Amino acid sequence: MSRCTASEADVAKPQLTHVDESGHPRMVDVADKAATRREATAEVRVRFPPAVARQLRAQDLRSAKGSLVDTAIIAGTMAVKRTHELIPFCHPLPIENCRFEIAFATKTELRIRCTVGLTHKTGVEMEALTGASVAALTVYDMCKALSHEIVIDELRLLAKRGGRRRVEKGRVVE
């Protein structure tokens, strides 16, 4: 069994970025980072009871409140732009791109993907995750009259480009 020196252990051990040396919360200082193109994609699933899924498919993803897809995209986009107001240590960012893909992945499961991009000193993972989350919550809100057995599940970061690390298919590749 090999032993690590203290400095090797410190290098290998991930550190929380939003906690200072004394353990207090803080916003990450991005002043010395380079502004680069950054993009992140998040995904979430909304599972419907079979009868509800059939009804939504028959109605072309419309409810009594209107188009599920259009309303989810608008709500998700608004959430992306306001992420810094919802999550305390997120930086306000000049979002350059926000797009959604919303479609049934299975007979009963709606897949929502949110991709956010910008050129800046910090990434947009939280914005993509927030956008996907709020889009899913909006779908739930619009469909809850049909069933309270709708499940929002598997929120995750699918991809991230720019910055120090790259994520693809939910795994760090750099």
N, C-alpha and C. Protein backbone atom coordinates (compact mmCIF):
# COMPACT_ATOMS: atom_id res chain seq x y z
N MET A 1 0.85 -1.17 0.00
CA MET A 1 0.00 0.00 0.00
C MET A 1 0.89 1.23 0.00
N SER A 2 0.66 2.15 -0.94
CA SER A 2 1.47 3.36 -0.99
C SER A 2 0.87 4.41 -0.08
N ARG A 3 1.76 5.26 0.42
CA ARG A 3 1.32 6.34 1.30
C ARG A 3 1.47 7.67 0.59
N CYS A 4 0.51 8.54 0.82
CA CYS A 4 0.58 9.89 0.25
C CYS A 4 1.16 10.83 1.28
N THR A 5 1.94 11.79 0.82
CA THR A 5 2.36 12.83 1.73
C THR A 5 1.19 13.76 1.96
N ALA A 6 1.30 14.62 2.94
CA ALA A 6 0.20 15.54 3.25
C ALA A 6 -0.13 16.41 2.05
N SER A 7 0.90 16.89 1.33
CA SER A 7 0.62 17.76 0.19
C SER A 7 -0.05 16.99 -0.94
N GLU A 8 0.33 15.71 -1.15
CA GLU A 8 -0.33 14.90 -2.17
C GLU A 8 -1.79 14.66 -1.81
N ALA A 9 -2.08 14.41 -0.55
CA ALA A 9 -3.45 14.17 -0.10
C ALA A 9 -4.29 15.42 -0.31
N ASP A 10 -3.69 16.59 -0.04
CA ASP A 10 -4.43 17.84 -0.23
C ASP A 10 -4.75 18.08 -1.70
N VAL A 11 -3.82 17.76 -2.59
CA VAL A 11 -4.04 17.95 -4.02
C VAL A 11 -5.15 17.02 -4.51
N ALA A 12 -5.16 15.78 -4.03
CA ALA A 12 -6.13 14.79 -4.49
C ALA A 12 -7.52 15.02 -3.91
N LYS A 13 -7.61 15.69 -2.77
CA LYS A 13 -8.88 15.88 -2.09
C LYS A 13 -9.63 17.08 -2.66
N PRO A 14 -10.83 16.89 -3.19
CA PRO A 14 -11.59 18.04 -3.70
C PRO A 14 -11.94 19.00 -2.57
N GLN A 15 -11.98 20.27 -2.91
CA GLN A 15 -12.30 21.31 -1.93
C GLN A 15 -13.62 21.97 -2.31
N LEU A 16 -14.40 22.33 -1.32
CA LEU A 16 -15.61 23.11 -1.57
C LEU A 16 -15.19 24.53 -1.93
N THR A 17 -15.71 25.04 -3.02
CA THR A 17 -15.29 26.36 -3.48
C THR A 17 -16.05 27.50 -2.82
N HIS A 18 -17.17 27.22 -2.21
CA HIS A 18 -17.99 28.27 -1.63
C HIS A 18 -17.85 28.36 -0.11
N VAL A 19 -16.71 27.89 0.39
CA VAL A 19 -16.42 27.95 1.82
C VAL A 19 -15.01 28.50 1.98
N ASP A 20 -14.85 29.52 2.84
CA ASP A 20 -13.51 30.10 3.03
C ASP A 20 -12.70 29.26 4.01
N GLU A 21 -11.47 29.70 4.28
CA GLU A 21 -10.54 28.94 5.14
C GLU A 21 -11.09 28.70 6.54
N SER A 22 -11.94 29.60 7.03
CA SER A 22 -12.49 29.44 8.38
C SER A 22 -13.84 28.73 8.38
N GLY A 23 -14.26 28.23 7.22
CA GLY A 23 -15.50 27.47 7.15
C GLY A 23 -16.76 28.28 6.89
N HIS A 24 -16.61 29.56 6.61
CA HIS A 24 -17.77 30.41 6.36
C HIS A 24 -18.10 30.44 4.86
N PRO A 25 -19.37 30.60 4.54
CA PRO A 25 -19.75 30.64 3.12
C PRO A 25 -19.24 31.90 2.45
N ARG A 26 -18.95 31.75 1.14
CA ARG A 26 -18.46 32.89 0.38
C ARG A 26 -18.76 32.69 -1.11
N MET A 27 -18.77 33.78 -1.83
CA MET A 27 -18.87 33.73 -3.28
C MET A 27 -17.47 33.52 -3.83
N VAL A 28 -17.33 32.70 -4.84
CA VAL A 28 -16.03 32.45 -5.45
C VAL A 28 -15.56 33.70 -6.18
N ASP A 29 -14.30 34.06 -5.99
CA ASP A 29 -13.71 35.21 -6.67
C ASP A 29 -13.27 34.77 -8.06
N VAL A 30 -13.88 35.33 -9.09
CA VAL A 30 -13.54 34.96 -10.47
C VAL A 30 -12.73 36.06 -11.17
N ALA A 31 -12.26 37.05 -10.43
CA ALA A 31 -11.58 38.20 -11.02
C ALA A 31 -10.39 37.81 -11.88
N ASP A 32 -9.62 36.81 -11.47
CA ASP A 32 -8.41 36.44 -12.20
C ASP A 32 -8.64 35.36 -13.25
N LYS A 33 -9.86 34.89 -13.41
CA LYS A 33 -10.14 33.87 -14.42
C LYS A 33 -10.26 34.51 -15.79
N ALA A 34 -9.95 33.72 -16.80
CA ALA A 34 -10.09 34.19 -18.17
C ALA A 34 -11.54 34.01 -18.63
N ALA A 35 -12.03 34.97 -19.38
CA ALA A 35 -13.36 34.85 -19.98
C ALA A 35 -13.23 33.92 -21.19
N THR A 36 -13.94 32.80 -21.15
CA THR A 36 -13.92 31.83 -22.24
C THR A 36 -15.35 31.42 -22.56
N ARG A 37 -15.52 30.78 -23.69
CA ARG A 37 -16.85 30.27 -24.07
C ARG A 37 -17.17 29.11 -23.14
N ARG A 38 -18.35 29.16 -22.52
CA ARG A 38 -18.77 28.12 -21.59
C ARG A 38 -20.20 27.71 -21.93
N GLU A 39 -20.47 26.44 -21.78
CA GLU A 39 -21.80 25.91 -22.08
C GLU A 39 -22.07 24.74 -21.16
N ALA A 40 -23.32 24.60 -20.75
CA ALA A 40 -23.72 23.47 -19.92
C ALA A 40 -25.10 22.99 -20.35
N THR A 41 -25.30 21.68 -20.26
CA THR A 41 -26.59 21.08 -20.57
C THR A 41 -27.04 20.24 -19.38
N ALA A 42 -28.25 20.47 -18.94
CA ALA A 42 -28.85 19.69 -17.84
C ALA A 42 -30.09 18.99 -18.35
N GLU A 43 -30.44 17.92 -17.69
CA GLU A 43 -31.62 17.14 -18.08
C GLU A 43 -32.41 16.75 -16.84
N VAL A 44 -33.71 16.67 -17.03
CA VAL A 44 -34.61 16.19 -15.97
C VAL A 44 -35.71 15.38 -16.65
N ARG A 45 -36.28 14.46 -15.91
CA ARG A 45 -37.37 13.63 -16.43
C ARG A 45 -38.64 13.90 -15.65
N VAL A 46 -39.77 13.93 -16.36
CA VAL A 46 -41.09 14.04 -15.73
C VAL A 46 -41.84 12.78 -16.11
N ARG A 47 -42.16 11.95 -15.11
CA ARG A 47 -42.88 10.70 -15.36
C ARG A 47 -44.36 10.87 -15.03
N PHE A 48 -45.19 10.46 -15.97
CA PHE A 48 -46.64 10.56 -15.82
C PHE A 48 -47.24 9.17 -15.64
N PRO A 49 -48.35 9.07 -14.91
CA PRO A 49 -49.11 7.82 -14.92
C PRO A 49 -49.50 7.54 -16.38
N PRO A 50 -49.60 6.28 -16.78
CA PRO A 50 -49.89 5.94 -18.19
C PRO A 50 -51.12 6.65 -18.76
N ALA A 51 -52.19 6.72 -18.00
CA ALA A 51 -53.42 7.36 -18.53
C ALA A 51 -53.19 8.86 -18.78
N VAL A 52 -52.44 9.51 -17.92
CA VAL A 52 -52.15 10.93 -18.09
C VAL A 52 -51.25 11.13 -19.31
N ALA A 53 -50.24 10.29 -19.46
CA ALA A 53 -49.34 10.39 -20.62
C ALA A 53 -50.13 10.21 -21.92
N ARG A 54 -51.04 9.24 -21.94
CA ARG A 54 -51.87 9.03 -23.14
C ARG A 54 -52.70 10.26 -23.44
N GLN A 55 -53.31 10.83 -22.40
CA GLN A 55 -54.13 12.02 -22.58
C GLN A 55 -53.30 13.19 -23.10
N LEU A 56 -52.11 13.39 -22.55
CA LEU A 56 -51.26 14.49 -23.00
C LEU A 56 -50.80 14.29 -24.45
N ARG A 57 -50.48 13.06 -24.80
CA ARG A 57 -50.09 12.78 -26.19
C ARG A 57 -51.26 13.05 -27.14
N ALA A 58 -52.45 12.64 -26.73
CA ALA A 58 -53.64 12.84 -27.56
C ALA A 58 -53.95 14.33 -27.72
N GLN A 59 -53.57 15.12 -26.72
CA GLN A 59 -53.82 16.58 -26.77
C GLN A 59 -52.60 17.35 -27.27
N ASP A 60 -51.62 16.65 -27.85
CA ASP A 60 -50.42 17.27 -28.39
C ASP A 60 -49.71 18.12 -27.33
N LEU A 61 -49.57 17.55 -26.13
CA LEU A 61 -48.92 18.20 -24.99
C LEU A 61 -49.53 19.56 -24.65
N ARG A 62 -50.84 19.59 -24.67
CA ARG A 62 -51.57 20.80 -24.26
C ARG A 62 -52.46 20.43 -23.09
N SER A 63 -52.60 21.36 -22.18
CA SER A 63 -53.52 21.19 -21.07
C SER A 63 -54.54 22.31 -21.14
N ALA A 64 -55.43 22.33 -20.17
CA ALA A 64 -56.42 23.41 -20.12
C ALA A 64 -55.74 24.77 -19.95
N LYS A 65 -54.50 24.76 -19.44
CA LYS A 65 -53.76 26.00 -19.23
C LYS A 65 -52.94 26.42 -20.45
N GLY A 66 -52.91 25.60 -21.51
CA GLY A 66 -52.16 25.95 -22.72
C GLY A 66 -51.09 24.93 -23.05
N SER A 67 -50.18 25.31 -23.92
CA SER A 67 -49.09 24.43 -24.36
C SER A 67 -48.10 24.17 -23.24
N LEU A 68 -47.93 22.90 -22.88
CA LEU A 68 -46.96 22.54 -21.84
C LEU A 68 -45.56 22.94 -22.26
N VAL A 69 -45.21 22.62 -23.49
CA VAL A 69 -43.85 22.86 -23.97
C VAL A 69 -43.55 24.36 -24.01
N ASP A 70 -44.41 25.14 -24.62
CA ASP A 70 -44.16 26.57 -24.72
C ASP A 70 -44.06 27.23 -23.35
N THR A 71 -44.96 26.88 -22.47
CA THR A 71 -44.96 27.49 -21.14
C THR A 71 -43.73 27.05 -20.34
N ALA A 72 -43.34 25.78 -20.46
CA ALA A 72 -42.14 25.29 -19.76
C ALA A 72 -40.89 25.99 -20.28
N ILE A 73 -40.80 26.20 -21.58
CA ILE A 73 -39.63 26.89 -22.15
C ILE A 73 -39.56 28.33 -21.63
N ILE A 74 -40.67 29.02 -21.60
CA ILE A 74 -40.67 30.41 -21.10
C ILE A 74 -40.28 30.44 -19.63
N ALA A 75 -40.88 29.59 -18.82
CA ALA A 75 -40.58 29.56 -17.38
C ALA A 75 -39.12 29.18 -17.14
N GLY A 76 -38.64 28.17 -17.86
CA GLY A 76 -37.25 27.73 -17.71
C GLY A 76 -36.27 28.82 -18.10
N THR A 77 -36.56 29.53 -19.17
CA THR A 77 -35.68 30.61 -19.61
C THR A 77 -35.66 31.73 -18.58
N MET A 78 -36.82 32.07 -18.04
CA MET A 78 -36.86 33.10 -16.99
C MET A 78 -36.03 32.67 -15.78
N ALA A 79 -36.11 31.39 -15.43
CA ALA A 79 -35.35 30.88 -14.28
C ALA A 79 -33.84 30.93 -14.55
N VAL A 80 -33.44 30.57 -15.76
CA VAL A 80 -32.01 30.64 -16.12
C VAL A 80 -31.49 32.05 -15.87
N LYS A 81 -32.22 33.04 -16.33
CA LYS A 81 -31.77 34.43 -16.22
C LYS A 81 -31.79 34.94 -14.77
N ARG A 82 -32.50 34.24 -13.88
CA ARG A 82 -32.61 34.70 -12.49
C ARG A 82 -31.96 33.74 -11.50
N THR A 83 -31.15 32.83 -11.98
CA THR A 83 -30.53 31.85 -11.10
C THR A 83 -29.78 32.51 -9.95
N HIS A 84 -29.07 33.59 -10.23
CA HIS A 84 -28.31 34.28 -9.18
C HIS A 84 -29.21 34.84 -8.08
N GLU A 85 -30.50 35.02 -8.36
CA GLU A 85 -31.43 35.49 -7.33
C GLU A 85 -31.96 34.34 -6.48
N LEU A 86 -31.82 33.13 -6.97
CA LEU A 86 -32.34 31.95 -6.27
C LEU A 86 -31.27 31.20 -5.48
N ILE A 87 -30.07 31.16 -6.01
CA ILE A 87 -28.97 30.40 -5.39
C ILE A 87 -27.94 31.42 -4.92
N PRO A 88 -27.72 31.50 -3.60
CA PRO A 88 -27.00 32.62 -3.01
C PRO A 88 -25.63 32.98 -3.60
N PHE A 89 -24.81 32.01 -3.97
CA PHE A 89 -23.45 32.36 -4.40
C PHE A 89 -23.24 32.28 -5.91
N CYS A 90 -24.31 32.22 -6.66
CA CYS A 90 -24.18 32.26 -8.11
C CYS A 90 -23.97 33.70 -8.56
N HIS A 91 -23.09 33.88 -9.52
CA HIS A 91 -22.83 35.21 -10.06
C HIS A 91 -23.94 35.59 -11.05
N PRO A 92 -24.33 36.86 -11.10
CA PRO A 92 -25.24 37.30 -12.16
C PRO A 92 -24.47 37.20 -13.49
N LEU A 93 -25.07 36.59 -14.48
CA LEU A 93 -24.36 36.32 -15.73
C LEU A 93 -25.09 36.88 -16.95
N PRO A 94 -24.33 37.31 -17.95
CA PRO A 94 -24.92 37.78 -19.20
C PRO A 94 -25.18 36.59 -20.14
N ILE A 95 -26.29 35.94 -19.95
CA ILE A 95 -26.63 34.75 -20.72
C ILE A 95 -26.71 35.11 -22.20
N GLU A 96 -26.01 34.35 -23.04
CA GLU A 96 -26.01 34.60 -24.48
C GLU A 96 -26.89 33.61 -25.23
N ASN A 97 -27.11 32.45 -24.63
CA ASN A 97 -27.88 31.41 -25.32
C ASN A 97 -28.59 30.55 -24.29
N CYS A 98 -29.83 30.24 -24.57
CA CYS A 98 -30.61 29.34 -23.72
C CYS A 98 -31.59 28.61 -24.63
N ARG A 99 -31.49 27.30 -24.63
CA ARG A 99 -32.43 26.54 -25.47
C ARG A 99 -32.88 25.28 -24.73
N PHE A 100 -34.08 24.86 -25.10
CA PHE A 100 -34.71 23.69 -24.48
C PHE A 100 -35.07 22.66 -25.53
N GLU A 101 -34.97 21.41 -25.15
CA GLU A 101 -35.50 20.30 -25.93
C GLU A 101 -36.46 19.57 -25.01
N ILE A 102 -37.72 19.47 -25.40
CA ILE A 102 -38.72 18.81 -24.57
C ILE A 102 -39.48 17.83 -25.45
N ALA A 103 -39.40 16.55 -25.08
CA ALA A 103 -40.07 15.50 -25.85
C ALA A 103 -40.22 14.25 -25.00
N PHE A 104 -41.17 13.41 -25.38
CA PHE A 104 -41.32 12.13 -24.69
C PHE A 104 -40.13 11.24 -25.02
N ALA A 105 -39.47 10.72 -24.00
CA ALA A 105 -38.36 9.77 -24.16
C ALA A 105 -38.90 8.34 -24.15
N THR A 106 -40.00 8.13 -23.43
CA THR A 106 -40.70 6.85 -23.40
C THR A 106 -42.19 7.17 -23.49
N LYS A 107 -43.01 6.17 -23.40
CA LYS A 107 -44.46 6.40 -23.47
C LYS A 107 -44.97 7.24 -22.32
N THR A 108 -44.28 7.20 -21.17
CA THR A 108 -44.77 7.92 -19.99
C THR A 108 -43.79 8.94 -19.43
N GLU A 109 -42.64 9.11 -20.06
CA GLU A 109 -41.59 9.95 -19.49
C GLU A 109 -41.21 11.08 -20.44
N LEU A 110 -41.41 12.31 -19.97
CA LEU A 110 -41.05 13.49 -20.72
C LEU A 110 -39.62 13.87 -20.35
N ARG A 111 -38.76 14.07 -21.34
CA ARG A 111 -37.38 14.48 -21.11
C ARG A 111 -37.27 15.97 -21.40
N ILE A 112 -36.70 16.70 -20.46
CA ILE A 112 -36.47 18.14 -20.62
C ILE A 112 -34.97 18.38 -20.55
N ARG A 113 -34.43 18.98 -21.61
CA ARG A 113 -33.01 19.35 -21.62
C ARG A 113 -32.90 20.86 -21.77
N CYS A 114 -32.01 21.44 -20.99
CA CYS A 114 -31.76 22.88 -21.03
C CYS A 114 -30.27 23.08 -21.27
N THR A 115 -29.94 23.84 -22.32
CA THR A 115 -28.55 24.17 -22.63
C THR A 115 -28.39 25.68 -22.53
N VAL A 116 -27.36 26.09 -21.80
CA VAL A 116 -27.10 27.51 -21.57
C VAL A 116 -25.66 27.80 -21.97
N GLY A 117 -25.45 28.93 -22.64
CA GLY A 117 -24.10 29.30 -23.05
C GLY A 117 -23.82 30.77 -22.88
N LEU A 118 -22.52 31.07 -22.71
CA LEU A 118 -22.06 32.45 -22.62
C LEU A 118 -20.55 32.48 -22.77
N THR A 119 -20.02 33.68 -22.85
CA THR A 119 -18.57 33.89 -22.78
C THR A 119 -18.36 34.70 -21.51
N HIS A 120 -17.70 34.07 -20.54
CA HIS A 120 -17.55 34.72 -19.22
C HIS A 120 -16.47 34.00 -18.43
N LYS A 121 -16.31 34.44 -17.16
CA LYS A 121 -15.28 33.89 -16.29
C LYS A 121 -15.76 32.73 -15.44
N THR A 122 -17.03 32.43 -15.49
CA THR A 122 -17.57 31.34 -14.67
C THR A 122 -18.60 30.57 -15.49
N GLY A 123 -18.80 29.33 -15.10
CA GLY A 123 -19.66 28.43 -15.87
C GLY A 123 -21.15 28.64 -15.64
N VAL A 124 -21.94 27.86 -16.37
CA VAL A 124 -23.39 28.00 -16.34
C VAL A 124 -24.10 26.70 -15.97
N GLU A 125 -23.42 25.84 -15.20
CA GLU A 125 -24.06 24.59 -14.78
C GLU A 125 -25.31 24.85 -13.96
N MET A 126 -25.22 25.77 -13.01
CA MET A 126 -26.37 26.03 -12.14
C MET A 126 -27.53 26.64 -12.93
N GLU A 127 -27.21 27.44 -13.93
CA GLU A 127 -28.26 28.02 -14.76
C GLU A 127 -28.97 26.93 -15.55
N ALA A 128 -28.21 26.00 -16.12
CA ALA A 128 -28.83 24.91 -16.89
C ALA A 128 -29.66 24.02 -15.98
N LEU A 129 -29.15 23.70 -14.80
CA LEU A 129 -29.90 22.87 -13.85
C LEU A 129 -31.16 23.59 -13.37
N THR A 130 -31.05 24.88 -13.11
CA THR A 130 -32.21 25.66 -12.67
C THR A 130 -33.25 25.75 -13.77
N GLY A 131 -32.82 25.99 -14.99
CA GLY A 131 -33.75 26.06 -16.12
C GLY A 131 -34.51 24.76 -16.31
N ALA A 132 -33.79 23.64 -16.29
CA ALA A 132 -34.44 22.33 -16.44
C ALA A 132 -35.42 22.08 -15.30
N SER A 133 -35.00 22.41 -14.08
CA SER A 133 -35.86 22.20 -12.90
C SER A 133 -37.16 22.98 -12.98
N VAL A 134 -37.04 24.25 -13.28
CA VAL A 134 -38.24 25.10 -13.32
C VAL A 134 -39.14 24.72 -14.49
N ALA A 135 -38.56 24.32 -15.60
CA ALA A 135 -39.38 23.83 -16.72
C ALA A 135 -40.18 22.60 -16.28
N ALA A 136 -39.53 21.68 -15.55
CA ALA A 136 -40.22 20.48 -15.06
C ALA A 136 -41.30 20.84 -14.04
N LEU A 137 -41.01 21.77 -13.16
CA LEU A 137 -42.01 22.21 -12.18
C LEU A 137 -43.21 22.84 -12.87
N THR A 138 -42.94 23.55 -13.95
CA THR A 138 -44.03 24.18 -14.72
C THR A 138 -44.92 23.12 -15.36
N VAL A 139 -44.30 22.07 -15.90
CA VAL A 139 -45.09 20.96 -16.47
C VAL A 139 -45.95 20.34 -15.38
N TYR A 140 -45.34 20.11 -14.21
CA TYR A 140 -46.10 19.55 -13.09
C TYR A 140 -47.29 20.44 -12.75
N ASP A 141 -47.04 21.73 -12.62
CA ASP A 141 -48.10 22.67 -12.27
C ASP A 141 -49.24 22.62 -13.29
N MET A 142 -48.89 22.54 -14.54
CA MET A 142 -49.91 22.55 -15.59
C MET A 142 -50.69 21.24 -15.67
N CYS A 143 -50.11 20.17 -15.12
CA CYS A 143 -50.75 18.85 -15.22
C CYS A 143 -51.28 18.30 -13.90
N LYS A 144 -51.05 18.99 -12.81
CA LYS A 144 -51.44 18.44 -11.50
C LYS A 144 -52.93 18.20 -11.36
N ALA A 145 -53.74 18.90 -12.13
CA ALA A 145 -55.18 18.65 -12.08
C ALA A 145 -55.52 17.26 -12.63
N LEU A 146 -54.63 16.71 -13.46
CA LEU A 146 -54.84 15.37 -14.03
C LEU A 146 -54.39 14.28 -13.07
N SER A 147 -53.35 14.57 -12.27
CA SER A 147 -52.83 13.58 -11.32
C SER A 147 -51.78 14.22 -10.42
N HIS A 148 -51.77 13.77 -9.17
CA HIS A 148 -50.70 14.17 -8.25
C HIS A 148 -49.65 13.07 -8.16
N GLU A 149 -49.73 12.08 -9.03
CA GLU A 149 -48.74 11.00 -9.05
C GLU A 149 -47.66 11.25 -10.09
N ILE A 150 -47.57 12.45 -10.60
CA ILE A 150 -46.51 12.84 -11.52
C ILE A 150 -45.22 12.93 -10.72
N VAL A 151 -44.11 12.41 -11.30
CA VAL A 151 -42.83 12.40 -10.60
C VAL A 151 -41.79 13.15 -11.42
N ILE A 152 -41.11 14.08 -10.76
CA ILE A 152 -39.96 14.76 -11.37
C ILE A 152 -38.74 14.04 -10.84
N ASP A 153 -37.88 13.59 -11.77
CA ASP A 153 -36.80 12.68 -11.38
C ASP A 153 -35.55 12.90 -12.23
N GLU A 154 -34.44 12.46 -11.72
CA GLU A 154 -33.17 12.38 -12.45
C GLU A 154 -32.66 13.71 -12.98
N LEU A 155 -32.74 14.75 -12.18
CA LEU A 155 -32.12 16.01 -12.57
C LEU A 155 -30.61 15.81 -12.52
N ARG A 156 -29.93 16.15 -13.64
CA ARG A 156 -28.48 15.96 -13.65
C ARG A 156 -27.83 16.84 -14.71
N LEU A 157 -26.55 17.08 -14.49
CA LEU A 157 -25.74 17.78 -15.47
C LEU A 157 -25.30 16.75 -16.51
N LEU A 158 -25.62 16.99 -17.76
CA LEU A 158 -25.22 16.08 -18.84
C LEU A 158 -23.88 16.47 -19.44
N ALA A 159 -23.66 17.76 -19.65
CA ALA A 159 -22.43 18.20 -20.31
C ALA A 159 -22.06 19.60 -19.85
N LYS A 160 -20.76 19.84 -19.86
CA LYS A 160 -20.21 21.15 -19.49
C LYS A 160 -18.93 21.34 -20.28
N ARG A 161 -18.82 22.49 -20.94
CA ARG A 161 -17.62 22.80 -21.69
C ARG A 161 -17.14 24.19 -21.30
N GLY A 162 -15.83 24.37 -21.31
CA GLY A 162 -15.22 25.63 -20.91
C GLY A 162 -14.79 25.53 -19.47
N GLY A 163 -13.90 26.39 -19.06
CA GLY A 163 -13.41 26.33 -17.69
C GLY A 163 -12.38 25.22 -17.53
N ARG A 164 -12.14 24.81 -16.29
CA ARG A 164 -11.09 23.82 -16.01
C ARG A 164 -11.48 22.40 -16.35
N ARG A 165 -12.74 22.04 -16.14
CA ARG A 165 -13.18 20.65 -16.36
C ARG A 165 -14.23 20.58 -17.44
N ARG A 166 -14.24 19.44 -18.09
CA ARG A 166 -15.28 19.19 -19.10
C ARG A 166 -16.08 17.97 -18.63
N VAL A 167 -17.38 18.04 -18.82
CA VAL A 167 -18.27 16.94 -18.47
C VAL A 167 -19.00 16.52 -19.73
N GLU A 168 -19.05 15.23 -19.97
CA GLU A 168 -19.82 14.68 -21.08
C GLU A 168 -20.59 13.48 -20.58
N LYS A 169 -21.85 13.41 -20.94
CA LYS A 169 -22.72 12.31 -20.54
C LYS A 169 -22.68 12.10 -19.02
N GLY A 170 -22.63 13.22 -18.30
CA GLY A 170 -22.68 13.18 -16.85
C GLY A 170 -21.38 12.80 -16.16
N ARG A 171 -20.27 12.65 -16.90
CA ARG A 171 -18.98 12.26 -16.31
C ARG A 171 -17.91 13.27 -16.64
N VAL A 172 -17.02 13.51 -15.67
CA VAL A 172 -15.89 14.41 -15.88
C VAL A 172 -14.91 13.71 -16.82
N VAL A 173 -14.52 14.41 -17.90
CA VAL A 173 -13.57 13.83 -18.85
C VAL A 173 -12.23 14.56 -18.83
N GLU A 174 -12.15 15.70 -18.21
CA GLU A 174 -10.87 16.44 -18.08
C GLU A 174 -10.76 17.00 -16.70
